[in-house]
Amino acid sequence: MRRVRSHKVVSIKQFFYLAIGVVALNFLSSIYSFRIDLTEDKRYTIQPVTKDILNSIDDLVFIRVYLDGELPTGFVRMKRALAETLGEFKVIAGKHIQYEFANPYKQSQPKNLEKYFRQLYDKGLQPTNVHVKDKDGGMTQRIIIPGCVVSYKGKEVAVNLLRNNPGLSGDENINLSIQNFEYALADAISRVINENRQSIAFIQGHGEFDEFETGDIERELSLYYNVQRVQINGDPEALKPYKTIIIAGPAKVFPEADKLVIDQFIMSGGRTLWFIDPVQISIDSLSAGASTLAFVNQHNLDDMLFRYGVRLNPMLLQDLQCAVIPVNASQAGQEPRFVPAPWLYYPLLVPPSTNPITKGLNLVLSKFASPLDTVGLNPEVKKEFLLYSSSESRLIKVPALVNLNQVSKGISRYEFTSRNIPVAVELKGQFTSNFRNRPLGIILPNHSIDFRDKSEFTKMIVVADADIIRNDVQRRPNGAYVIPLGYDRFTQQTFGNKELVVNMVKYLCDDNGLLNLRNRDVKLRLLDRKKVVQERTAWQLVNMIIPSLLLVLFGISWHYIRKRRYTR
């Protein structure tokens, strides 16, 4: 009897100690918390640059996500991953981050639904059409808005979360979107909480593209920066207010005074985005049906770029992976009948997936592009190519005669033996001045300048095709109509030009490494459909029988252990 009572006392004490331990553990966990990411690709780990942004929030940031309701399987996975990312954000930012998932179809009356979707579209959200199963098992078309609106102190920023690369499958696009969640949300929060925006400038005065030809990209960049146009005119102070300058399509000779001002802007840490045509060709003459001569573009920038580490080669790139143009296929005297035909001078350039600037981009449309290569052995400058031709391309020396009749000629694939010809390059490090050991008083006789012969750490990007940043313009009686950058009217496809240029400018202006978040890689682990069909029965048996056997074995073992223990 005494032994039974002692067993009860011991059991009560053990239960009491266990209860105290559980209560203490819960109390400590409410004060001190830690999280361990055990996934191979660290998909739940928030990067330090994102943590800095979240910790800098001083008021409520509210995020309303419109990805809710009846969704296809891929979008359900996308919603779940987005909820996990927002949950991680909330752990770091605390009460300064609030979010909710809203079903657009329940936010408005059915008769006002179209008006409500229009309001979301006007805010910047892009809807997408998908097919979903209804209650009867049929397929219906449904509009989904895979995006959110970030609000802070009365300011709003729309974020489109779905990546839509035509070259990828639906699962790959969903996976790419999930990889991009942290960057997209962190970038939007950074934009909405920052009061002081950086200033960038388009250089003009040397035959560069006008405000209509770069109208679409200027409008897009104005969402992030203060965008202006500036003429240098030999003024050493002209570029000081700007973080980044863009030189887009110069067709006239740069005077040495302006080159010196740009050089010293770079030496002071300024960032530069060069869109230069090494070869000049008249597209207007070509579109009129006449032949045109391609010749070297005399812009007088080759010596600067060569000193910084890039050589522009005055040749034209032809590629079998190219855009199409309309060609009249009717006989003489018949009504015109236009059909699309490949135009080898409009290569579709390949962006590498290893660089945060170009990862996940669609092909980039170029027109009369040229190759470039890197020169010099400056160990303080790192270089990386950003755009390539396809594996079937070739180079044409200039001067060369270009005529639309070349479309009707047969293509000999064996002539296109060159592959991966670079067209754009990124450079970062400390550059040497192009005007070192040169008499500056002759170049700028009326100005004094604090000359630097070596730069601070800075970055630049050089692209050997200015048309990558130029949008088409339709001249109408009521004014000029700007066509979206990268949009092809003949195939009605949008290429990756706009996103590429925006990423380039963000990279140049970014000192915190925020854009590097685009480089994270979440592996897409799909089931092998062939194995699923072949091994379906075996795995069904395994899932049904083994858990039952384990449960039976555990019960028998537990019964044996108790019997042996208490029999003694």
Protein backbone atom coordinates (compact mmCIF):
# COMPACT_ATOMS: atom_id res chain seq x y z
CA MET A 1 0.00 0.00 0.00
CA ARG A 2 2.82 2.32 0.90
CA ARG A 3 4.56 1.47 -2.37
CA VAL A 4 1.44 2.38 -4.38
CA ARG A 5 1.17 5.67 -2.51
CA SER A 6 4.83 6.48 -3.20
CA HIS A 7 4.25 5.77 -6.92
CA LYS A 8 1.33 8.21 -6.89
CA VAL A 9 3.42 10.90 -5.16
CA VAL A 10 6.21 10.46 -7.72
CA SER A 11 3.73 10.64 -10.62
CA ILE A 12 2.09 13.76 -9.19
CA LYS A 13 5.49 15.41 -8.75
CA GLN A 14 6.51 14.50 -12.30
CA PHE A 15 3.27 15.91 -13.68
CA PHE A 16 3.70 19.06 -11.56
CA TYR A 17 7.29 19.59 -12.77
CA LEU A 18 6.23 18.96 -16.37
CA ALA A 19 3.41 21.51 -16.13
CA ILE A 20 5.77 24.11 -14.64
CA GLY A 21 8.28 23.41 -17.43
CA VAL A 22 5.65 23.80 -20.16
CA VAL A 23 4.36 27.07 -18.65
CA ALA A 24 7.92 28.41 -18.29
CA LEU A 25 8.79 27.38 -21.84
CA ASN A 26 5.70 29.13 -23.22
CA PHE A 27 6.48 32.26 -21.23
CA LEU A 28 10.08 32.38 -22.44
CA SER A 29 9.05 31.70 -26.05
CA SER A 30 6.66 34.67 -25.90
CA ILE A 31 9.59 36.91 -24.96
CA TYR A 32 12.44 35.36 -26.92
CA SER A 33 11.80 33.86 -30.32
CA PHE A 34 14.03 32.31 -32.93
CA ARG A 35 13.41 30.83 -36.35
CA ILE A 36 15.42 28.17 -38.17
CA ASP A 37 15.18 27.75 -41.93
CA LEU A 38 15.92 24.10 -42.69
CA THR A 39 15.16 24.29 -46.42
CA GLU A 40 18.04 23.70 -48.84
CA ASP A 41 17.44 26.89 -50.84
CA LYS A 42 16.69 29.04 -47.71
CA ARG A 43 13.30 30.05 -49.07
CA TYR A 44 12.11 31.36 -45.69
CA THR A 45 15.24 33.39 -44.89
CA ILE A 46 14.78 37.16 -45.17
CA GLN A 47 17.92 38.88 -46.42
CA PRO A 48 19.69 41.63 -44.40
CA VAL A 49 18.85 44.39 -46.92
CA THR A 50 15.14 43.57 -46.54
CA LYS A 51 15.45 43.55 -42.75
CA ASP A 52 17.02 47.02 -42.86
CA ILE A 53 14.07 48.31 -44.91
CA LEU A 54 11.50 46.71 -42.59
CA ASN A 55 13.26 48.00 -39.47
CA SER A 56 13.26 51.55 -40.88
CA ILE A 57 9.44 51.72 -41.07
CA ASP A 58 8.13 54.27 -38.58
CA ASP A 59 4.39 54.02 -39.28
CA LEU A 60 1.83 51.50 -40.49
CA VAL A 61 2.39 49.91 -43.89
CA PHE A 62 -0.79 48.19 -45.03
CA ILE A 63 -0.70 45.61 -47.84
CA ARG A 64 -3.94 44.53 -49.49
CA VAL A 65 -3.47 41.43 -51.66
CA TYR A 66 -6.11 40.72 -54.33
CA LEU A 67 -5.08 37.09 -54.83
CA ASP A 68 -7.99 35.34 -53.15
CA GLY A 69 -11.18 33.44 -53.95
CA GLU A 70 -11.51 30.54 -56.40
CA LEU A 71 -8.02 30.05 -57.78
CA PRO A 72 -6.28 27.45 -59.97
CA THR A 73 -3.77 25.18 -58.26
CA GLY A 74 -0.73 27.21 -59.32
CA PHE A 75 -2.19 30.42 -57.92
CA VAL A 76 -3.14 28.66 -54.67
CA ARG A 77 0.53 27.75 -54.26
CA MET A 78 1.44 31.32 -55.12
CA LYS A 79 -0.99 32.66 -52.50
CA ARG A 80 0.37 30.32 -49.83
CA ALA A 81 3.98 31.34 -50.56
CA LEU A 82 3.00 35.02 -50.50
CA ALA A 83 1.30 34.57 -47.12
CA GLU A 84 4.48 32.97 -45.77
CA THR A 85 6.62 35.87 -47.03
CA LEU A 86 4.27 38.47 -45.55
CA GLY A 87 4.25 36.54 -42.30
CA GLU A 88 8.04 36.71 -42.18
CA PHE A 89 7.86 40.45 -42.88
CA LYS A 90 5.45 40.89 -39.99
CA VAL A 91 7.73 39.00 -37.60
CA ILE A 92 10.51 41.51 -38.36
CA ALA A 93 8.50 44.74 -38.63
CA GLY A 94 5.94 43.89 -35.92
CA LYS A 95 2.94 46.18 -35.72
CA HIS A 96 4.26 48.34 -38.57
CA ILE A 97 3.21 45.70 -41.13
CA GLN A 98 -0.43 44.72 -41.61
CA TYR A 99 -1.85 42.78 -44.53
CA GLU A 100 -5.02 41.12 -45.73
CA PHE A 101 -6.11 38.94 -48.65
CA ALA A 102 -9.16 40.31 -50.45
CA ASN A 103 -11.37 38.59 -53.00
CA PRO A 104 -12.02 41.16 -55.75
CA TYR A 105 -15.34 39.51 -56.56
CA LYS A 106 -16.62 40.22 -53.04
CA GLN A 107 -15.37 43.80 -52.85
CA SER A 108 -18.11 45.18 -55.08
CA GLN A 109 -21.63 44.47 -56.26
CA PRO A 110 -21.80 42.31 -59.44
CA LYS A 111 -23.17 45.22 -61.48
CA ASN A 112 -20.22 47.40 -60.41
CA LEU A 113 -17.59 44.68 -60.79
CA GLU A 114 -16.25 45.92 -64.13
CA LYS A 115 -15.89 49.44 -62.70
CA TYR A 116 -14.04 48.03 -59.68
CA PHE A 117 -11.60 46.10 -61.89
CA ARG A 118 -11.04 49.28 -63.90
CA GLN A 119 -10.12 51.13 -60.70
CA LEU A 120 -7.58 48.47 -59.80
CA TYR A 121 -6.17 48.61 -63.35
CA ASP A 122 -5.85 52.40 -63.11
CA LYS A 123 -3.84 51.93 -59.93
CA GLY A 124 -1.35 49.83 -61.90
CA LEU A 125 -2.49 46.25 -61.24
CA GLN A 126 -2.46 43.94 -64.25
CA PRO A 127 -5.31 41.37 -64.44
CA THR A 128 -4.86 37.98 -66.06
CA ASN A 129 -7.39 35.53 -67.53
CA VAL A 130 -7.36 31.93 -66.27
CA HIS A 131 -9.61 28.89 -66.60
CA VAL A 132 -11.03 27.43 -63.37
CA LYS A 133 -13.40 24.56 -62.64
CA ASP A 134 -16.91 25.47 -61.57
CA LYS A 135 -19.11 23.54 -59.13
CA ASP A 136 -20.45 21.32 -61.93
CA GLY A 137 -16.96 20.33 -63.09
CA GLY A 138 -16.97 22.56 -66.16
CA MET A 139 -14.33 25.12 -67.10
CA THR A 140 -15.06 28.83 -66.89
CA GLN A 141 -12.93 31.86 -67.67
CA ARG A 142 -12.13 34.06 -64.72
CA ILE A 143 -10.18 37.29 -64.20
CA ILE A 144 -7.54 37.10 -61.46
CA ILE A 145 -5.47 39.99 -60.16
CA PRO A 146 -2.17 38.54 -58.88
CA GLY A 147 -0.98 41.72 -57.22
CA CYS A 148 -1.26 43.94 -54.18
CA VAL A 149 -1.38 47.60 -53.18
CA VAL A 150 1.07 48.88 -50.55
CA SER A 151 -0.22 51.90 -48.59
CA TYR A 152 1.71 54.21 -46.27
CA LYS A 153 0.65 57.65 -44.97
CA GLY A 154 -1.81 58.15 -47.83
CA LYS A 155 0.61 57.00 -50.55
CA GLU A 156 -0.02 53.87 -52.59
CA VAL A 157 2.17 51.67 -54.76
CA ALA A 158 0.79 48.86 -56.91
CA VAL A 159 2.83 45.66 -57.12
CA ASN A 160 2.26 43.06 -59.85
CA LEU A 161 3.46 39.74 -58.49
CA LEU A 162 2.98 37.46 -61.50
CA ARG A 163 5.93 37.07 -63.87
CA ASN A 164 4.77 36.24 -67.37
CA ASN A 165 7.67 35.12 -69.52
CA PRO A 166 6.30 33.57 -72.76
CA GLY A 167 9.37 31.36 -73.01
CA LEU A 168 8.57 29.57 -69.75
CA SER A 169 5.83 27.15 -68.74
CA GLY A 170 3.06 28.07 -66.34
CA ASP A 171 4.71 26.26 -63.40
CA GLU A 172 8.04 27.94 -64.15
CA ASN A 173 6.40 31.39 -64.25
CA ILE A 174 4.66 30.71 -60.92
CA ASN A 175 7.95 29.56 -59.42
CA LEU A 176 9.75 32.62 -60.80
CA SER A 177 7.05 34.82 -59.27
CA ILE A 178 7.52 33.17 -55.87
CA GLN A 179 11.28 33.70 -56.09
CA ASN A 180 10.64 37.39 -56.75
CA PHE A 181 8.23 38.01 -53.83
CA GLU A 182 10.80 39.30 -51.36
CA TYR A 183 12.33 41.71 -53.87
CA ALA A 184 9.00 42.97 -55.23
CA LEU A 185 7.56 43.66 -51.77
CA ALA A 186 10.76 45.10 -50.31
CA ASP A 187 11.18 47.36 -53.34
CA ALA A 188 7.58 48.62 -53.05
CA ILE A 189 7.92 49.28 -49.30
CA SER A 190 11.20 51.11 -49.89
CA ARG A 191 9.56 53.28 -52.56
CA VAL A 192 6.56 54.19 -50.45
CA ILE A 193 8.41 55.03 -47.20
CA ASN A 194 11.28 57.01 -48.72
CA GLU A 195 10.58 60.73 -48.89
CA ASN A 196 13.67 61.77 -50.86
CA ARG A 197 13.89 60.29 -54.35
CA GLN A 198 17.11 60.15 -56.33
CA SER A 199 17.47 62.18 -59.53
CA ILE A 200 18.52 60.79 -62.90
CA ALA A 201 19.04 62.61 -66.20
CA PHE A 202 18.80 61.90 -69.92
CA ILE A 203 21.65 63.69 -71.68
CA GLN A 204 20.65 65.66 -74.78
CA GLY A 205 22.29 68.01 -77.24
CA HIS A 206 24.20 65.42 -79.31
CA GLY A 207 21.40 63.97 -81.43
CA GLU A 208 20.08 61.70 -78.67
CA PHE A 209 16.52 60.35 -78.68
CA ASP A 210 13.90 63.00 -77.90
CA GLU A 211 11.27 62.95 -75.14
CA PHE A 212 8.83 61.03 -77.36
CA GLU A 213 11.27 58.30 -78.40
CA THR A 214 12.09 57.61 -74.75
CA GLY A 215 8.67 58.64 -73.48
CA ASP A 216 7.56 55.23 -72.23
CA ILE A 217 10.71 54.44 -70.26
CA GLU A 218 10.82 57.97 -68.82
CA ARG A 219 7.25 57.55 -67.62
CA GLU A 220 8.14 54.19 -66.03
CA LEU A 221 11.30 55.51 -64.38
CA SER A 222 9.40 58.51 -62.99
CA LEU A 223 7.62 56.06 -60.65
CA TYR A 224 10.97 55.54 -58.90
CA TYR A 225 13.11 58.63 -59.58
CA ASN A 226 13.04 62.30 -60.46
CA VAL A 227 13.68 62.16 -64.22
CA GLN A 228 15.00 65.19 -66.08
CA ARG A 229 16.67 66.04 -69.38
CA VAL A 230 19.87 68.07 -69.32
CA GLN A 231 22.28 69.67 -71.78
CA ILE A 232 25.88 69.78 -70.57
CA ASN A 233 27.25 72.62 -72.75
CA GLY A 234 30.69 72.30 -71.13
CA ASP A 235 29.38 73.20 -67.64
CA PRO A 236 31.27 71.24 -64.93
CA GLU A 237 28.30 71.68 -62.55
CA ALA A 238 25.67 70.40 -64.96
CA LEU A 239 25.65 66.78 -63.74
CA LYS A 240 26.25 67.21 -60.01
CA PRO A 241 22.57 66.92 -58.93
CA TYR A 242 22.19 63.47 -60.50
CA LYS A 243 22.91 59.96 -59.32
CA THR A 244 22.77 58.37 -62.79
CA ILE A 245 22.87 59.74 -66.32
CA ILE A 246 21.55 58.00 -69.44
CA ILE A 247 23.11 58.60 -72.84
CA ALA A 248 20.58 57.22 -75.33
CA GLY A 249 21.37 57.13 -79.04
CA PRO A 250 23.78 60.00 -79.76
CA ALA A 251 24.03 60.68 -83.49
CA LYS A 252 26.35 63.72 -83.39
CA VAL A 253 29.93 64.21 -82.29
CA PHE A 254 30.44 64.74 -78.55
CA PRO A 255 32.66 67.78 -77.94
CA GLU A 256 35.67 67.23 -75.70
CA ALA A 257 34.29 69.65 -73.09
CA ASP A 258 31.14 67.57 -72.59
CA LYS A 259 33.19 64.38 -72.51
CA LEU A 260 35.37 65.85 -69.77
CA VAL A 261 32.30 66.75 -67.69
CA ILE A 262 30.95 63.20 -68.05
CA ASP A 263 34.37 61.76 -67.24
CA GLN A 264 34.62 63.75 -64.01
CA PHE A 265 31.04 62.83 -63.14
CA ILE A 266 32.14 59.19 -63.32
CA MET A 267 35.34 59.89 -61.37
CA SER A 268 33.18 61.39 -58.59
CA GLY A 269 31.18 58.18 -58.28
CA GLY A 270 28.41 58.96 -60.77
CA ARG A 271 26.71 56.10 -62.57
CA THR A 272 26.31 56.00 -66.37
CA LEU A 273 24.07 54.02 -68.70
CA TRP A 274 25.31 54.09 -72.28
CA PHE A 275 23.06 53.16 -75.23
CA ILE A 276 25.36 53.71 -78.19
CA ASP A 277 24.95 52.73 -81.85
CA PRO A 278 28.40 51.86 -83.27
CA VAL A 279 26.80 51.72 -86.73
CA GLN A 280 24.52 54.40 -88.14
CA ILE A 281 21.70 53.43 -90.47
CA SER A 282 18.64 55.31 -91.70
CA ILE A 283 15.52 53.33 -90.79
CA ASP A 284 13.34 55.96 -92.51
CA SER A 285 15.05 55.31 -95.85
CA LEU A 286 14.72 51.58 -95.32
CA SER A 287 11.01 51.74 -94.51
CA ALA A 288 10.42 53.78 -97.67
CA GLY A 289 11.60 50.80 -99.71
CA ALA A 290 14.98 52.14 -100.73
CA SER A 291 18.40 50.76 -99.98
CA THR A 292 20.38 52.43 -97.25
CA LEU A 293 24.05 52.42 -96.34
CA ALA A 294 25.23 51.30 -92.91
CA PHE A 295 28.37 53.14 -91.86
CA VAL A 296 30.37 53.88 -88.72
CA ASN A 297 28.67 56.25 -86.29
CA GLN A 298 31.02 59.14 -85.50
CA HIS A 299 29.98 59.92 -81.92
CA ASN A 300 33.52 60.48 -80.58
CA LEU A 301 32.99 58.31 -77.48
CA ASP A 302 35.14 55.32 -78.43
CA ASP A 303 38.25 56.59 -76.64
CA MET A 304 36.36 57.09 -73.35
CA LEU A 305 34.73 53.68 -73.43
CA PHE A 306 38.01 52.04 -74.43
CA ARG A 307 39.75 53.61 -71.43
CA TYR A 308 36.99 52.38 -69.13
CA GLY A 309 37.30 48.84 -70.51
CA VAL A 310 34.85 48.43 -73.43
CA ARG A 311 35.32 48.40 -77.18
CA LEU A 312 32.36 48.92 -79.50
CA ASN A 313 32.88 47.06 -82.76
CA PRO A 314 31.41 48.80 -85.85
CA MET A 315 29.72 45.71 -87.30
CA LEU A 316 26.10 44.59 -87.66
CA LEU A 317 24.73 41.52 -85.95
CA GLN A 318 22.50 39.09 -87.85
CA ASP A 319 20.69 36.35 -85.96
CA LEU A 320 18.36 33.54 -86.95
CA GLN A 321 16.52 34.21 -83.68
CA CYS A 322 14.99 37.48 -84.78
CA ALA A 323 11.82 39.56 -84.97
CA VAL A 324 9.57 39.70 -88.01
CA ILE A 325 8.57 42.59 -90.24
CA PRO A 326 5.63 42.90 -92.69
CA VAL A 327 6.61 42.23 -96.29
CA ASN A 328 4.45 42.70 -99.37
CA ALA A 329 4.01 39.23 -100.87
CA SER A 330 1.69 40.19 -103.76
CA GLN A 331 2.70 40.33 -107.42
CA ALA A 332 3.21 43.61 -109.25
CA GLY A 333 -0.11 45.23 -110.09
CA GLN A 334 -2.02 43.32 -107.41
CA GLU A 335 -3.33 44.63 -104.13
CA PRO A 336 -0.69 44.67 -101.41
CA ARG A 337 -0.72 41.58 -99.20
CA PHE A 338 1.59 41.86 -96.23
CA VAL A 339 2.93 38.76 -94.50
CA PRO A 340 5.40 38.53 -91.59
CA ALA A 341 8.93 37.60 -92.54
CA PRO A 342 12.05 37.21 -90.32
CA TRP A 343 14.36 40.20 -90.43
CA LEU A 344 17.86 39.12 -89.47
CA TYR A 345 18.90 42.63 -88.48
CA TYR A 346 16.38 42.61 -85.57
CA PRO A 347 17.97 40.03 -83.24
CA LEU A 348 16.09 38.79 -80.16
CA LEU A 349 18.84 38.94 -77.57
CA VAL A 350 19.17 36.43 -74.74
CA PRO A 351 19.43 37.75 -71.15
CA PRO A 352 21.44 35.43 -68.85
CA SER A 353 19.65 34.01 -65.82
CA THR A 354 22.71 34.36 -63.58
CA ASN A 355 22.60 38.15 -63.17
CA PRO A 356 19.99 39.95 -61.03
CA ILE A 357 19.51 42.56 -63.75
CA THR A 358 18.45 40.05 -66.39
CA LYS A 359 17.14 37.05 -64.45
CA GLY A 360 13.71 35.93 -65.57
CA LEU A 361 13.43 38.43 -68.43
CA ASN A 362 11.82 37.73 -71.75
CA LEU A 363 13.94 38.03 -74.91
CA VAL A 364 15.06 41.59 -75.67
CA LEU A 365 14.21 43.15 -79.03
CA SER A 366 17.10 44.94 -80.71
CA LYS A 367 17.44 46.68 -84.07
CA PHE A 368 20.71 46.81 -85.98
CA ALA A 369 22.70 45.79 -82.93
CA SER A 370 26.48 45.58 -82.85
CA PRO A 371 28.92 43.45 -80.86
CA LEU A 372 31.19 44.67 -78.10
CA ASP A 373 34.03 43.19 -76.09
CA THR A 374 36.06 44.09 -73.03
CA VAL A 375 39.60 45.45 -73.14
CA GLY A 376 42.26 46.37 -70.65
CA LEU A 377 43.70 44.55 -67.66
CA ASN A 378 42.60 46.88 -64.88
CA PRO A 379 42.20 44.51 -61.89
CA GLU A 380 40.03 47.07 -60.09
CA VAL A 381 37.22 46.84 -62.68
CA LYS A 382 34.97 43.78 -62.85
CA LYS A 383 33.04 43.09 -66.05
CA GLU A 384 30.04 40.89 -66.83
CA PHE A 385 28.07 40.54 -70.06
CA LEU A 386 24.31 41.12 -69.87
CA LEU A 387 22.96 40.35 -73.37
CA TYR A 388 23.98 37.80 -75.98
CA SER A 389 22.99 36.72 -79.44
CA SER A 390 21.66 33.21 -79.96
CA SER A 391 23.76 30.20 -80.98
CA GLU A 392 23.11 30.89 -84.69
CA SER A 393 24.36 34.36 -85.57
CA ARG A 394 26.97 36.15 -87.64
CA LEU A 395 28.60 39.56 -88.07
CA ILE A 396 28.45 41.89 -91.11
CA LYS A 397 31.28 44.36 -91.68
CA VAL A 398 30.47 47.98 -92.53
CA PRO A 399 30.08 49.90 -94.70
CA ALA A 400 27.32 47.62 -95.96
CA LEU A 401 24.25 48.04 -98.14
CA VAL A 402 20.97 47.09 -96.42
CA ASN A 403 17.80 46.49 -98.44
CA LEU A 404 14.42 45.00 -97.59
CA ASN A 405 14.74 42.71 -100.61
CA GLN A 406 17.16 40.69 -98.53
CA VAL A 407 14.12 39.25 -96.75
CA SER A 408 13.12 37.27 -99.84
CA LYS A 409 16.53 35.68 -100.19
CA GLY A 410 17.08 32.20 -98.82
CA ILE A 411 18.84 31.71 -95.51
CA SER A 412 21.86 29.41 -95.38
CA ARG A 413 22.08 28.23 -91.79
CA TYR A 414 25.70 27.09 -92.20
CA GLU A 415 26.73 30.76 -92.55
CA PHE A 416 25.49 31.53 -89.03
CA THR A 417 28.28 29.88 -87.10
CA SER A 418 28.90 32.47 -84.37
CA ARG A 419 27.24 32.02 -80.99
CA ASN A 420 26.64 34.08 -77.85
CA ILE A 421 28.00 37.36 -79.23
CA PRO A 422 27.85 39.95 -76.39
CA VAL A 423 25.89 43.17 -76.93
CA ALA A 424 25.76 44.64 -73.40
CA VAL A 425 28.21 44.65 -70.49
CA GLU A 426 28.20 45.78 -66.87
CA LEU A 427 31.36 47.28 -65.33
CA LYS A 428 32.00 48.16 -61.69
CA GLY A 429 35.05 49.25 -59.75
CA GLN A 430 37.53 52.13 -59.89
CA PHE A 431 38.08 53.57 -63.36
CA THR A 432 40.95 55.62 -64.75
CA SER A 433 40.13 59.04 -66.21
CA ASN A 434 40.19 59.37 -69.99
CA PHE A 435 41.72 62.85 -69.58
CA ARG A 436 44.69 61.91 -67.44
CA ASN A 437 47.86 63.75 -68.54
CA ARG A 438 45.90 65.99 -70.93
CA PRO A 439 45.86 69.82 -70.93
CA LEU A 440 42.49 70.65 -69.35
CA GLY A 441 42.85 74.41 -69.83
CA ILE A 442 42.47 73.99 -73.57
CA ILE A 443 39.34 71.84 -73.22
CA LEU A 444 37.59 74.05 -70.62
CA PRO A 445 39.28 77.46 -70.95
CA ASN A 446 36.64 79.41 -69.02
CA HIS A 447 36.11 77.00 -66.10
CA SER A 448 38.18 75.70 -63.24
CA ILE A 449 37.75 72.06 -62.41
CA ASP A 450 38.77 69.89 -59.46
CA PHE A 451 40.24 67.16 -61.62
CA ARG A 452 40.34 63.52 -60.51
CA ASP A 453 42.37 60.98 -62.43
CA LYS A 454 40.89 57.94 -60.67
CA SER A 455 37.31 57.28 -59.71
CA GLU A 456 35.64 56.27 -56.51
CA PHE A 457 33.85 52.93 -56.64
CA THR A 458 31.18 53.30 -59.31
CA LYS A 459 29.21 51.33 -61.89
CA MET A 460 28.28 51.69 -65.53
CA ILE A 461 26.50 49.66 -68.22
CA VAL A 462 27.30 49.85 -71.93
CA VAL A 463 24.82 48.62 -74.57
CA ALA A 464 25.82 48.44 -78.23
CA ASP A 465 22.32 49.14 -79.53
CA ALA A 466 20.45 52.34 -78.72
CA ASP A 467 17.13 51.03 -80.09
CA ILE A 468 16.75 48.81 -77.02
CA ILE A 469 15.65 51.89 -75.05
CA ARG A 470 13.72 53.59 -77.88
CA ASN A 471 9.96 53.11 -78.22
CA ASP A 472 8.05 53.54 -81.46
CA VAL A 473 6.09 56.77 -81.95
CA GLN A 474 2.97 57.22 -84.05
CA ARG A 475 2.60 60.76 -85.34
CA ARG A 476 -1.07 61.76 -85.38
CA PRO A 477 -2.86 65.03 -86.18
CA ASN A 478 -3.60 65.53 -82.49
CA GLY A 479 -0.02 64.81 -81.42
CA ALA A 480 2.45 61.98 -80.96
CA TYR A 481 1.34 58.64 -79.54
CA VAL A 482 3.98 56.73 -77.59
CA ILE A 483 3.89 52.95 -78.11
CA PRO A 484 4.99 50.88 -75.07
CA LEU A 485 8.68 50.00 -75.08
CA GLY A 486 9.34 46.48 -76.30
CA TYR A 487 5.89 46.02 -77.84
CA ASP A 488 5.87 44.45 -81.30
CA ARG A 489 2.78 45.55 -83.25
CA PHE A 490 3.10 42.71 -85.75
CA THR A 491 3.22 39.79 -83.32
CA GLN A 492 1.44 41.67 -80.50
CA GLN A 493 4.13 40.43 -78.12
CA THR A 494 5.87 42.49 -75.47
CA PHE A 495 9.58 41.80 -75.14
CA GLY A 496 11.70 42.43 -72.05
CA ASN A 497 13.13 45.83 -73.04
CA LYS A 498 11.28 47.95 -70.47
CA GLU A 499 11.97 45.69 -67.51
CA LEU A 500 15.60 45.40 -68.60
CA VAL A 501 16.16 49.17 -68.67
CA VAL A 502 14.36 49.68 -65.35
CA ASN A 503 16.50 46.98 -63.74
CA MET A 504 19.64 48.56 -65.18
CA VAL A 505 18.80 51.95 -63.68
CA LYS A 506 17.83 50.38 -60.35
CA TYR A 507 21.12 48.51 -60.29
CA LEU A 508 23.11 51.66 -60.98
CA CYS A 509 21.26 53.73 -58.37
CA ASP A 510 21.21 50.96 -55.77
CA ASP A 511 23.92 51.14 -53.08
CA ASN A 512 22.34 48.63 -50.70
CA GLY A 513 22.19 45.57 -52.94
CA LEU A 514 18.38 45.42 -53.02
CA LEU A 515 18.36 44.25 -56.64
CA ASN A 516 20.47 41.22 -55.67
CA LEU A 517 17.31 39.76 -54.13
CA ARG A 518 16.22 38.96 -57.70
CA ASN A 519 19.08 36.48 -57.86
CA ARG A 520 17.73 34.10 -55.23
CA ASP A 521 16.81 30.69 -56.56
CA VAL A 522 13.97 28.52 -55.31
CA LYS A 523 14.14 25.13 -56.99
CA LEU A 524 11.03 23.90 -58.74
CA ARG A 525 10.52 20.32 -57.60
CA LEU A 526 7.96 18.76 -59.88
CA LEU A 527 6.82 15.16 -59.85
CA ASP A 528 8.08 12.86 -62.58
CA ARG A 529 4.78 12.19 -64.39
CA LYS A 530 6.13 9.04 -66.04
CA LYS A 531 7.12 7.54 -62.70
CA VAL A 532 3.83 8.61 -61.15
CA VAL A 533 1.91 6.55 -63.71
CA GLN A 534 4.26 3.55 -63.58
CA GLU A 535 4.61 3.32 -59.79
CA ARG A 536 1.19 4.56 -58.75
CA THR A 537 -0.12 1.23 -57.38
CA ALA A 538 3.08 0.47 -55.45
CA TRP A 539 3.07 3.83 -53.69
CA GLN A 540 -0.62 3.56 -52.88
CA LEU A 541 0.02 0.22 -51.17
CA VAL A 542 3.01 1.64 -49.31
CA ASN A 543 0.98 4.58 -48.02
CA MET A 544 -1.92 2.37 -46.95
CA ILE A 545 -0.14 -0.66 -45.45
CA ILE A 546 3.07 0.62 -43.85
CA PRO A 547 1.42 3.19 -41.50
CA SER A 548 -1.02 0.50 -40.29
CA LEU A 549 1.81 -1.99 -39.71
CA LEU A 550 3.84 0.58 -37.82
CA LEU A 551 0.84 1.36 -35.63
CA VAL A 552 0.25 -2.33 -34.87
CA LEU A 553 3.93 -2.91 -34.09
CA PHE A 554 3.99 0.09 -31.78
CA GLY A 555 0.90 -1.16 -29.94
CA ILE A 556 2.36 -4.65 -29.47
CA SER A 557 5.70 -3.26 -28.32
CA TRP A 558 4.08 -0.87 -25.86
CA HIS A 559 1.89 -3.64 -24.45
CA TYR A 560 4.92 -5.93 -24.02
CA ILE A 561 6.97 -3.20 -22.30
CA ARG A 562 4.16 -2.34 -19.84
CA LYS A 563 3.48 -6.01 -19.07
CA ARG A 564 7.13 -6.74 -18.41
CA ARG A 565 7.60 -3.63 -16.27
CA TYR A 566 4.55 -3.96 -14.02
CA THR A 567 4.69 -7.79 -13.73
CA ARG A 568 8.01 -7.38 -11.93
